[in-house]
Amino acid sequence: MALISIDILAEKSLTVSNFPLITKDSNLIVGHCPGISYISYLYFSLPPFPANIIESARLVLFKTGRFLTCPKTKESIDIYPLLDYFSTKTNMHNRPKYDPSLTQGDITEGTVSVEIDLTNIVNSWAKGLLVNKGIVLSKEQQIFGFSCFGSALTKDLTLKPVLKILCQERHLPFLELQCSYKIVPPVSE
């Protein structure tokens, strides 16, 4: 069976920080600096998918140029599905709940992007086990270090986060239908 790839651009994104207590939206920032924590949120509007056709789902985040040369250790990002929506009123003291039992898979780091396996999360949305309210990105396991990526709100389309879903192409069976019709009122010559 043939596979097709569907690329979905992030529709909404938000980064919140504990210092200053304001939201940021030009970039997705995830991680910790001395005394400062950053958490980001993403939302993708997904078309309805039959759960049994999804082969894989990968989140592609594009690094912003000013952080490409920063020395760092291997990328480590924690991603969880949200149980509540996020908005411009979201901050470090008013965060949506998330499901800690579902998390991402492996992370592949490239020169200009990071790919993260979200197959389990996307399948839970497709199967109706969870409602798609977005995802939260954090670096709970790293005490120091942060990453900066393009957000859904960036003007540069090449930096917007992408959800790449690989699906089995299902062909619908061809049904031959017979129909009849009448022209009302009758056409007179």
Protein backbone atom coordinates (compact mmCIF):
# COMPACT_ATOMS: atom_id res chain seq x y z
CA MET A 1 0.00 0.00 0.00
CA ALA A 2 1.32 3.44 -0.93
CA LEU A 3 2.23 6.02 1.71
CA ILE A 4 1.40 9.71 1.50
CA SER A 5 2.82 12.55 3.57
CA ILE A 6 0.61 15.33 4.90
CA ASP A 7 2.32 18.47 6.21
CA ILE A 8 0.28 20.61 8.61
CA LEU A 9 1.59 24.03 9.68
CA ALA A 10 1.11 25.10 13.30
CA GLU A 11 -1.95 27.31 13.63
CA LYS A 12 -1.24 28.75 17.10
CA SER A 13 1.82 29.01 19.32
CA LEU A 14 2.76 30.69 22.56
CA THR A 15 5.83 30.89 24.80
CA VAL A 16 5.52 31.81 28.47
CA SER A 17 8.28 32.69 30.91
CA ASN A 18 8.54 33.28 34.66
CA PHE A 19 10.69 36.40 34.17
CA PRO A 20 9.33 38.73 33.17
CA LEU A 21 5.82 37.36 33.56
CA ILE A 22 4.86 38.05 29.98
CA THR A 23 4.11 35.92 26.97
CA LYS A 24 6.31 35.80 23.90
CA ASP A 25 5.16 34.80 20.45
CA SER A 26 7.78 35.60 17.81
CA ASN A 27 9.77 32.46 18.72
CA LEU A 28 9.16 29.21 20.53
CA ILE A 29 11.59 29.11 23.44
CA VAL A 30 11.96 25.98 25.54
CA GLY A 31 14.27 25.46 28.51
CA HIS A 32 16.00 27.09 31.46
CA CYS A 33 18.55 29.83 32.06
CA PRO A 34 19.65 30.89 35.54
CA GLY A 35 16.38 31.81 37.23
CA ILE A 36 14.33 31.87 34.01
CA SER A 37 12.13 29.08 32.65
CA TYR A 38 10.45 28.96 29.25
CA ILE A 39 7.54 26.72 28.23
CA SER A 40 5.91 26.74 24.80
CA TYR A 41 2.57 25.62 23.41
CA LEU A 42 1.59 24.59 19.87
CA TYR A 43 -1.72 23.82 18.20
CA PHE A 44 -2.27 22.09 14.85
CA SER A 45 -5.71 21.94 13.25
CA LEU A 46 -5.91 18.33 12.12
CA PRO A 47 -8.25 16.94 9.49
CA PRO A 48 -10.16 13.81 10.55
CA PHE A 49 -7.96 10.74 10.11
CA PRO A 50 -8.95 7.10 10.46
CA ALA A 51 -6.61 5.95 13.23
CA ASN A 52 -5.58 2.79 11.41
CA ILE A 53 -3.96 4.64 8.48
CA ILE A 54 -1.42 6.73 10.45
CA GLU A 55 2.06 5.24 10.10
CA SER A 56 3.97 8.03 11.85
CA ALA A 57 3.70 11.64 12.96
CA ARG A 58 6.73 13.88 13.44
CA LEU A 59 6.95 17.43 14.71
CA VAL A 60 9.53 19.48 12.81
CA LEU A 61 10.85 22.55 14.64
CA PHE A 62 13.18 24.94 12.82
CA LYS A 63 16.01 26.47 14.82
CA THR A 64 16.31 30.24 14.62
CA GLY A 65 19.66 31.45 13.27
CA ARG A 66 20.95 33.19 16.36
CA PHE A 67 21.03 29.89 18.30
CA LEU A 68 22.61 27.67 15.66
CA THR A 69 26.14 28.33 16.91
CA CYS A 70 25.46 28.04 20.64
CA PRO A 71 27.35 25.15 22.25
CA LYS A 72 24.91 22.71 23.80
CA THR A 73 24.34 19.09 24.61
CA LYS A 74 22.07 16.77 22.63
CA GLU A 75 18.58 18.18 22.28
CA SER A 76 16.13 17.09 24.98
CA ILE A 77 12.53 18.29 24.79
CA ASP A 78 9.54 16.94 26.70
CA ILE A 79 6.24 17.09 24.81
CA TYR A 80 2.81 16.22 26.20
CA PRO A 81 -0.75 16.55 24.85
CA LEU A 82 -2.83 19.29 26.47
CA LEU A 83 -6.04 18.53 28.35
CA ASP A 84 -7.10 22.18 28.22
CA TYR A 85 -6.66 24.98 25.69
CA PHE A 86 -4.03 27.72 25.88
CA SER A 87 -4.58 31.40 25.10
CA THR A 88 -2.95 34.80 25.46
CA LYS A 89 -4.07 34.64 29.12
CA THR A 90 -1.84 31.59 29.68
CA ASN A 91 1.19 32.32 31.88
CA MET A 92 3.45 30.44 34.31
CA HIS A 93 0.82 30.72 37.05
CA ASN A 94 -2.12 29.88 34.77
CA ARG A 95 -1.10 26.89 32.65
CA PRO A 96 -3.32 24.32 30.96
CA LYS A 97 -3.20 20.76 32.30
CA TYR A 98 -1.53 18.07 30.22
CA ASP A 99 -1.42 14.27 30.09
CA PRO A 100 1.96 13.18 31.52
CA SER A 101 1.35 9.53 30.58
CA LEU A 102 1.65 10.25 26.84
CA THR A 103 4.92 11.67 25.62
CA GLN A 104 6.96 11.91 22.47
CA GLY A 105 9.27 9.36 20.97
CA ASP A 106 12.78 9.81 19.65
CA ILE A 107 14.35 13.15 18.74
CA THR A 108 16.43 13.60 15.60
CA GLU A 109 18.56 16.73 15.51
CA GLY A 110 19.70 18.21 12.22
CA THR A 111 21.69 21.30 11.36
CA VAL A 112 18.68 23.61 11.04
CA SER A 113 15.81 21.56 12.46
CA VAL A 114 14.77 19.13 15.15
CA GLU A 115 12.30 16.28 14.43
CA ILE A 116 10.35 14.70 17.27
CA ASP A 117 8.22 11.57 17.01
CA LEU A 118 4.61 12.35 18.05
CA THR A 119 2.98 9.20 16.66
CA ASN A 120 1.50 8.09 20.01
CA ILE A 121 0.00 11.53 20.68
CA VAL A 122 -1.46 11.97 17.17
CA ASN A 123 -2.87 8.41 17.25
CA SER A 124 -4.59 9.16 20.58
CA TRP A 125 -6.29 12.16 18.91
CA ALA A 126 -7.24 10.11 15.81
CA LYS A 127 -8.70 7.29 17.94
CA GLY A 128 -10.73 9.76 20.01
CA LEU A 129 -8.90 8.89 23.23
CA LEU A 130 -7.96 12.57 23.65
CA VAL A 131 -9.32 15.77 22.15
CA ASN A 132 -6.68 17.72 20.22
CA LYS A 133 -6.15 20.85 22.34
CA GLY A 134 -2.48 21.21 21.42
CA ILE A 135 0.83 20.22 22.95
CA VAL A 136 3.17 21.63 25.57
CA LEU A 137 6.95 21.72 25.04
CA SER A 138 9.31 21.94 28.01
CA LYS A 139 12.73 20.82 29.20
CA GLU A 140 11.95 19.31 32.57
CA GLN A 141 14.93 16.95 32.44
CA GLN A 142 17.52 19.65 31.74
CA ILE A 143 18.48 22.03 34.53
CA PHE A 144 20.28 24.44 32.22
CA GLY A 145 19.97 25.12 28.52
CA PHE A 146 17.31 26.37 26.18
CA SER A 147 16.40 26.17 22.52
CA CYS A 148 14.75 28.70 20.25
CA PHE A 149 12.61 27.75 17.25
CA GLY A 150 10.35 29.46 14.76
CA SER A 151 6.75 29.85 15.94
CA ALA A 152 3.37 29.70 14.22
CA LEU A 153 3.37 33.50 14.24
CA THR A 154 6.69 34.07 12.51
CA LYS A 155 6.52 35.93 9.21
CA ASP A 156 9.14 33.61 7.70
CA LEU A 157 7.11 30.63 6.42
CA THR A 158 10.23 28.46 6.30
CA LEU A 159 10.52 28.62 10.12
CA LYS A 160 6.93 27.66 11.03
CA PRO A 161 6.55 24.38 12.98
CA VAL A 162 5.26 21.50 10.85
CA LEU A 163 3.48 18.30 11.82
CA LYS A 164 4.40 15.67 9.19
CA ILE A 165 1.93 12.79 9.16
CA LEU A 166 2.75 9.72 7.09
CA CYS A 167 -0.42 7.78 6.16
CA GLN A 168 -1.34 4.70 4.22
CA GLU A 169 -3.17 5.73 1.08
CA ARG A 170 -6.56 4.06 1.17
CA HIS A 171 -8.47 3.84 -2.05
CA LEU A 172 -12.21 3.85 -1.66
CA PRO A 173 -14.02 1.06 -3.50
CA PHE A 174 -15.59 2.14 -6.78
CA LEU A 175 -19.36 1.75 -6.79
CA GLU A 176 -21.27 2.00 -10.02
CA LEU A 177 -24.50 3.90 -9.51
CA GLN A 178 -27.45 4.00 -11.84
CA CYS A 179 -29.77 6.95 -11.90
CA SER A 180 -32.50 8.42 -14.01
CA TYR A 181 -33.63 11.98 -14.40
CA LYS A 182 -36.45 14.05 -15.85
CA ILE A 183 -36.35 17.62 -17.01
CA VAL A 184 -39.20 19.56 -15.43
CA PRO A 185 -40.95 21.30 -17.08
CA PRO A 186 -40.55 19.33 -20.30
CA VAL A 187 -38.62 21.05 -23.04
CA SER A 188 -40.78 21.67 -26.10
CA GLU A 189 -39.24 22.09 -29.48
